[in-house]
N, C-alpha and C. Protein backbone atom coordinates (compact mmCIF):
# COMPACT_ATOMS: atom_id res chain seq x y z
N MET A 1 16.40 -24.04 15.96
CA MET A 1 16.94 -22.94 15.19
C MET A 1 15.93 -22.47 14.14
N GLU A 2 15.24 -23.42 13.50
CA GLU A 2 14.26 -23.08 12.46
C GLU A 2 13.13 -22.21 13.05
N GLY A 3 12.75 -22.51 14.29
CA GLY A 3 11.69 -21.74 14.95
C GLY A 3 12.06 -20.27 15.10
N PHE A 4 13.30 -20.00 15.43
CA PHE A 4 13.74 -18.61 15.57
C PHE A 4 13.72 -17.89 14.23
N LYS A 5 14.06 -18.60 13.18
CA LYS A 5 14.05 -18.02 11.84
C LYS A 5 12.62 -17.64 11.45
N ILE A 6 11.69 -18.55 11.68
CA ILE A 6 10.28 -18.29 11.35
C ILE A 6 9.75 -17.14 12.20
N ARG A 7 10.09 -17.16 13.47
CA ARG A 7 9.65 -16.08 14.36
C ARG A 7 10.16 -14.73 13.87
N GLY A 8 11.41 -14.68 13.45
CA GLY A 8 11.98 -13.43 12.94
C GLY A 8 11.30 -12.98 11.66
N GLU A 9 11.02 -13.92 10.76
CA GLU A 9 10.34 -13.56 9.51
C GLU A 9 8.94 -13.04 9.77
N LEU A 10 8.24 -13.65 10.73
CA LEU A 10 6.90 -13.17 11.08
C LEU A 10 6.95 -11.79 11.74
N ALA A 11 7.98 -11.53 12.53
CA ALA A 11 8.13 -10.22 13.15
C ALA A 11 8.34 -9.15 12.08
N VAL A 12 9.14 -9.45 11.08
CA VAL A 12 9.37 -8.51 9.98
C VAL A 12 8.07 -8.29 9.21
N PHE A 13 7.32 -9.37 8.98
CA PHE A 13 6.05 -9.26 8.27
C PHE A 13 5.05 -8.42 9.06
N ARG A 14 4.98 -8.62 10.37
CA ARG A 14 4.10 -7.81 11.22
C ARG A 14 4.49 -6.33 11.15
N LEU A 15 5.77 -6.06 11.13
CA LEU A 15 6.24 -4.68 11.02
C LEU A 15 5.81 -4.08 9.68
N SER A 16 5.89 -4.87 8.63
CA SER A 16 5.45 -4.39 7.32
C SER A 16 3.95 -4.12 7.30
N LEU A 17 3.17 -4.98 7.95
CA LEU A 17 1.72 -4.74 8.05
C LEU A 17 1.44 -3.45 8.82
N PHE A 18 2.16 -3.25 9.91
CA PHE A 18 2.00 -2.03 10.70
C PHE A 18 2.35 -0.80 9.86
N THR A 19 3.45 -0.88 9.13
CA THR A 19 3.88 0.24 8.28
C THR A 19 2.85 0.53 7.20
N PHE A 20 2.33 -0.50 6.58
CA PHE A 20 1.29 -0.35 5.56
C PHE A 20 0.07 0.35 6.16
N ASP A 21 -0.37 -0.10 7.31
CA ASP A 21 -1.55 0.48 7.97
C ASP A 21 -1.31 1.95 8.33
N GLU A 22 -0.16 2.26 8.89
CA GLU A 22 0.15 3.64 9.26
C GLU A 22 0.28 4.54 8.03
N ASN A 23 0.86 4.00 6.95
CA ASN A 23 0.96 4.79 5.72
C ASN A 23 -0.41 5.07 5.14
N PHE A 24 -1.33 4.09 5.24
CA PHE A 24 -2.69 4.32 4.77
C PHE A 24 -3.36 5.43 5.59
N LYS A 25 -3.21 5.36 6.91
CA LYS A 25 -3.82 6.39 7.76
C LYS A 25 -3.27 7.77 7.43
N GLU A 26 -1.97 7.86 7.22
CA GLU A 26 -1.36 9.15 6.89
C GLU A 26 -1.83 9.65 5.53
N LEU A 27 -1.95 8.76 4.55
CA LEU A 27 -2.46 9.14 3.24
C LEU A 27 -3.90 9.63 3.36
N ASP A 28 -4.70 8.93 4.12
CA ASP A 28 -6.10 9.33 4.30
C ASP A 28 -6.19 10.71 4.96
N ARG A 29 -5.38 10.95 5.98
CA ARG A 29 -5.38 12.27 6.63
C ARG A 29 -4.92 13.36 5.65
N SER A 30 -3.95 13.04 4.84
CA SER A 30 -3.45 14.01 3.87
C SER A 30 -4.52 14.37 2.85
N ILE A 31 -5.24 13.38 2.38
CA ILE A 31 -6.32 13.64 1.42
C ILE A 31 -7.44 14.44 2.08
N GLU A 32 -7.78 14.07 3.29
CA GLU A 32 -8.82 14.82 4.02
C GLU A 32 -8.41 16.28 4.21
N GLY A 33 -7.11 16.51 4.45
CA GLY A 33 -6.62 17.87 4.64
C GLY A 33 -6.68 18.72 3.39
N MET A 34 -6.78 18.08 2.24
CA MET A 34 -6.85 18.82 0.99
C MET A 34 -8.27 19.22 0.61
N LYS A 35 -9.25 18.64 1.29
CA LYS A 35 -10.64 18.96 0.96
C LYS A 35 -10.96 20.39 1.39
N PRO A 36 -11.67 21.12 0.55
CA PRO A 36 -12.02 22.49 0.93
C PRO A 36 -13.01 22.48 2.09
N SER A 37 -13.00 23.53 2.86
CA SER A 37 -13.93 23.64 3.98
C SER A 37 -15.33 23.89 3.46
N ASP A 38 -16.29 23.80 4.35
CA ASP A 38 -17.68 24.04 3.96
C ASP A 38 -17.91 25.47 3.51
N GLU A 39 -17.13 26.38 4.04
CA GLU A 39 -17.25 27.79 3.68
C GLU A 39 -15.95 28.24 3.02
N PRO A 40 -15.81 27.98 1.72
CA PRO A 40 -14.53 28.33 1.07
C PRO A 40 -14.30 29.83 1.00
N ASP A 41 -13.04 30.18 1.07
CA ASP A 41 -12.63 31.56 0.85
C ASP A 41 -11.34 31.51 0.03
N ASP A 42 -10.69 32.63 -0.13
CA ASP A 42 -9.50 32.67 -0.98
C ASP A 42 -8.39 31.74 -0.48
N SER A 43 -8.33 31.47 0.81
CA SER A 43 -7.26 30.63 1.35
C SER A 43 -7.52 29.15 1.12
N THR A 44 -8.73 28.78 0.71
CA THR A 44 -9.03 27.37 0.51
C THR A 44 -9.14 26.99 -0.96
N MET A 45 -8.86 27.91 -1.85
CA MET A 45 -8.94 27.62 -3.28
C MET A 45 -7.77 26.73 -3.68
N PHE A 46 -8.03 25.77 -4.55
CA PHE A 46 -6.99 24.84 -4.99
C PHE A 46 -6.41 25.31 -6.32
N GLU A 47 -5.19 25.77 -6.27
CA GLU A 47 -4.47 26.18 -7.47
C GLU A 47 -3.04 25.69 -7.34
N PHE A 48 -2.55 25.11 -8.41
CA PHE A 48 -1.17 24.62 -8.37
C PHE A 48 -0.21 25.78 -8.17
N GLY A 49 0.83 25.51 -7.37
CA GLY A 49 1.85 26.52 -7.12
C GLY A 49 1.43 27.57 -6.11
N ASP A 50 0.26 27.40 -5.54
CA ASP A 50 -0.24 28.36 -4.57
C ASP A 50 -0.13 27.75 -3.17
N ALA A 51 -1.00 28.14 -2.27
CA ALA A 51 -0.95 27.67 -0.89
C ALA A 51 -1.15 26.15 -0.79
N THR A 52 -1.72 25.54 -1.79
CA THR A 52 -1.96 24.10 -1.73
C THR A 52 -0.74 23.29 -2.11
N SER A 53 0.27 23.91 -2.66
CA SER A 53 1.45 23.16 -3.09
C SER A 53 2.03 22.28 -1.98
N PRO A 54 2.19 22.76 -0.76
CA PRO A 54 2.68 21.87 0.30
C PRO A 54 1.74 20.70 0.56
N LEU A 55 0.42 20.94 0.42
CA LEU A 55 -0.54 19.86 0.61
C LEU A 55 -0.41 18.81 -0.49
N LEU A 56 -0.22 19.28 -1.71
CA LEU A 56 -0.05 18.34 -2.83
C LEU A 56 1.24 17.53 -2.67
N LYS A 57 2.29 18.20 -2.23
CA LYS A 57 3.55 17.49 -2.00
C LYS A 57 3.40 16.45 -0.90
N ALA A 58 2.71 16.81 0.17
CA ALA A 58 2.50 15.88 1.28
C ALA A 58 1.67 14.68 0.83
N ALA A 59 0.61 14.94 0.06
CA ALA A 59 -0.23 13.85 -0.42
C ALA A 59 0.55 12.95 -1.37
N SER A 60 1.38 13.54 -2.20
CA SER A 60 2.20 12.76 -3.13
C SER A 60 3.18 11.87 -2.37
N ARG A 61 3.80 12.42 -1.34
CA ARG A 61 4.74 11.65 -0.52
C ARG A 61 4.01 10.52 0.20
N CYS A 62 2.82 10.81 0.73
CA CYS A 62 2.04 9.78 1.42
C CYS A 62 1.62 8.67 0.46
N LEU A 63 1.24 9.05 -0.76
CA LEU A 63 0.85 8.05 -1.75
C LEU A 63 2.05 7.16 -2.11
N GLN A 64 3.20 7.77 -2.27
CA GLN A 64 4.42 7.00 -2.56
C GLN A 64 4.73 6.03 -1.43
N ASN A 65 4.65 6.50 -0.19
CA ASN A 65 4.93 5.63 0.96
C ASN A 65 3.93 4.48 1.04
N PHE A 66 2.65 4.79 0.82
CA PHE A 66 1.62 3.76 0.87
C PHE A 66 1.85 2.71 -0.21
N THR A 67 2.13 3.17 -1.43
CA THR A 67 2.36 2.25 -2.54
C THR A 67 3.59 1.36 -2.28
N ALA A 68 4.65 1.97 -1.77
CA ALA A 68 5.87 1.20 -1.47
C ALA A 68 5.60 0.15 -0.39
N SER A 69 4.85 0.52 0.63
CA SER A 69 4.56 -0.45 1.69
C SER A 69 3.65 -1.57 1.18
N ALA A 70 2.73 -1.24 0.28
CA ALA A 70 1.88 -2.28 -0.31
C ALA A 70 2.72 -3.26 -1.13
N MET A 71 3.64 -2.74 -1.92
CA MET A 71 4.49 -3.61 -2.73
C MET A 71 5.42 -4.46 -1.85
N THR A 72 5.85 -3.92 -0.73
CA THR A 72 6.67 -4.69 0.20
C THR A 72 5.87 -5.88 0.73
N LEU A 73 4.60 -5.65 1.08
CA LEU A 73 3.76 -6.75 1.54
C LEU A 73 3.58 -7.81 0.46
N VAL A 74 3.38 -7.38 -0.77
CA VAL A 74 3.23 -8.32 -1.88
C VAL A 74 4.49 -9.17 -2.00
N ASP A 75 5.64 -8.54 -1.99
CA ASP A 75 6.91 -9.26 -2.12
C ASP A 75 7.14 -10.22 -0.95
N GLN A 76 6.86 -9.75 0.26
CA GLN A 76 7.08 -10.61 1.42
C GLN A 76 6.12 -11.80 1.41
N THR A 77 4.87 -11.56 1.03
CA THR A 77 3.91 -12.65 0.97
C THR A 77 4.35 -13.69 -0.05
N ARG A 78 4.78 -13.23 -1.21
CA ARG A 78 5.26 -14.14 -2.26
C ARG A 78 6.45 -14.95 -1.75
N SER A 79 7.36 -14.30 -1.06
CA SER A 79 8.55 -14.97 -0.55
C SER A 79 8.19 -16.00 0.52
N LEU A 80 7.30 -15.62 1.45
CA LEU A 80 6.90 -16.56 2.50
C LEU A 80 6.17 -17.76 1.90
N TYR A 81 5.33 -17.52 0.91
CA TYR A 81 4.65 -18.64 0.25
C TYR A 81 5.66 -19.60 -0.36
N ARG A 82 6.59 -19.06 -1.11
CA ARG A 82 7.58 -19.91 -1.79
C ARG A 82 8.43 -20.70 -0.80
N GLU A 83 8.72 -20.08 0.34
CA GLU A 83 9.59 -20.74 1.31
C GLU A 83 8.83 -21.75 2.18
N TRP A 84 7.63 -21.38 2.62
CA TRP A 84 6.92 -22.21 3.60
C TRP A 84 5.87 -23.13 3.01
N TYR A 85 5.14 -22.68 2.03
CA TYR A 85 3.98 -23.44 1.56
C TYR A 85 4.21 -24.20 0.26
N GLU A 86 4.86 -23.58 -0.69
CA GLU A 86 5.04 -24.21 -2.00
C GLU A 86 5.77 -25.55 -1.93
N PRO A 87 6.88 -25.64 -1.18
CA PRO A 87 7.60 -26.92 -1.13
C PRO A 87 6.75 -28.08 -0.58
N LYS A 88 5.79 -27.76 0.28
CA LYS A 88 4.95 -28.80 0.89
C LYS A 88 3.64 -28.99 0.15
N GLY A 89 3.41 -28.18 -0.89
CA GLY A 89 2.18 -28.29 -1.67
C GLY A 89 0.94 -27.94 -0.88
N LEU A 90 1.06 -27.04 0.10
CA LEU A 90 -0.06 -26.74 0.98
C LEU A 90 -1.15 -25.87 0.33
N ILE A 91 -0.77 -25.02 -0.58
CA ILE A 91 -1.75 -24.19 -1.29
C ILE A 91 -1.45 -24.33 -2.78
N PRO A 92 -1.85 -25.45 -3.37
CA PRO A 92 -1.44 -25.73 -4.75
C PRO A 92 -1.98 -24.72 -5.77
N ASP A 93 -3.10 -24.09 -5.50
CA ASP A 93 -3.67 -23.15 -6.47
C ASP A 93 -3.35 -21.69 -6.14
N TYR A 94 -2.28 -21.47 -5.36
CA TYR A 94 -1.91 -20.11 -4.94
C TYR A 94 -1.67 -19.19 -6.14
N GLN A 95 -0.85 -19.61 -7.08
CA GLN A 95 -0.54 -18.77 -8.24
C GLN A 95 -1.80 -18.47 -9.04
N GLY A 96 -2.68 -19.45 -9.19
CA GLY A 96 -3.95 -19.23 -9.89
C GLY A 96 -4.82 -18.20 -9.18
N ARG A 97 -4.88 -18.30 -7.85
CA ARG A 97 -5.66 -17.32 -7.07
C ARG A 97 -5.11 -15.91 -7.24
N VAL A 98 -3.80 -15.80 -7.16
CA VAL A 98 -3.16 -14.48 -7.32
C VAL A 98 -3.48 -13.91 -8.69
N GLY A 99 -3.36 -14.74 -9.71
CA GLY A 99 -3.65 -14.29 -11.07
C GLY A 99 -5.09 -13.86 -11.24
N ARG A 100 -6.03 -14.64 -10.72
CA ARG A 100 -7.46 -14.30 -10.85
C ARG A 100 -7.80 -13.01 -10.10
N ARG A 101 -7.16 -12.79 -8.97
CA ARG A 101 -7.47 -11.58 -8.18
C ARG A 101 -6.80 -10.33 -8.72
N SER A 102 -5.60 -10.47 -9.25
CA SER A 102 -4.87 -9.28 -9.69
C SER A 102 -5.21 -8.88 -11.12
N ARG A 103 -5.61 -9.82 -11.95
CA ARG A 103 -5.90 -9.50 -13.35
C ARG A 103 -6.96 -8.41 -13.49
N PRO A 104 -8.11 -8.48 -12.79
CA PRO A 104 -9.11 -7.41 -12.94
C PRO A 104 -8.60 -6.05 -12.46
N ILE A 105 -7.78 -6.04 -11.44
CA ILE A 105 -7.24 -4.79 -10.91
C ILE A 105 -6.32 -4.15 -11.94
N VAL A 106 -5.41 -4.95 -12.48
CA VAL A 106 -4.47 -4.43 -13.48
C VAL A 106 -5.22 -3.99 -14.73
N ALA A 107 -6.18 -4.79 -15.16
CA ALA A 107 -6.95 -4.44 -16.37
C ALA A 107 -7.71 -3.14 -16.18
N SER A 108 -8.32 -2.94 -15.03
CA SER A 108 -9.06 -1.69 -14.81
C SER A 108 -8.12 -0.49 -14.74
N TRP A 109 -6.93 -0.68 -14.19
CA TRP A 109 -5.97 0.41 -14.14
C TRP A 109 -5.50 0.78 -15.55
N VAL A 110 -5.24 -0.22 -16.38
CA VAL A 110 -4.79 0.04 -17.74
C VAL A 110 -5.88 0.75 -18.52
N ARG A 111 -7.13 0.34 -18.36
CA ARG A 111 -8.23 1.00 -19.06
C ARG A 111 -8.38 2.46 -18.66
N SER A 112 -8.07 2.77 -17.40
CA SER A 112 -8.25 4.15 -16.93
C SER A 112 -7.13 5.09 -17.39
N GLN A 113 -6.04 4.54 -17.92
CA GLN A 113 -4.91 5.38 -18.32
C GLN A 113 -5.14 6.04 -19.63
């Protein structure tokens, strides 16, 4: 019975990885679509509330989806660690690793605000 539970949790995690990857691809395409062409004309000018508004909305939606899928992966990874690894002491420095890796990212984001 435990094997089926683990298999199901891994299937959900794989789906989350797939969703994250697809959201990244969609965000990348959305950003690429906002770049002006090599030969700009009046239709390629970027002005808020103009023809680019749908592009900005699409990019914003893609960014939201990408961020949400990234946070889902973070939460699932944390949950799987606590359930599978922490009780057995298999990765004793896990929390330290997470802290060391995330601290510079958070600090750089705060500095940029």
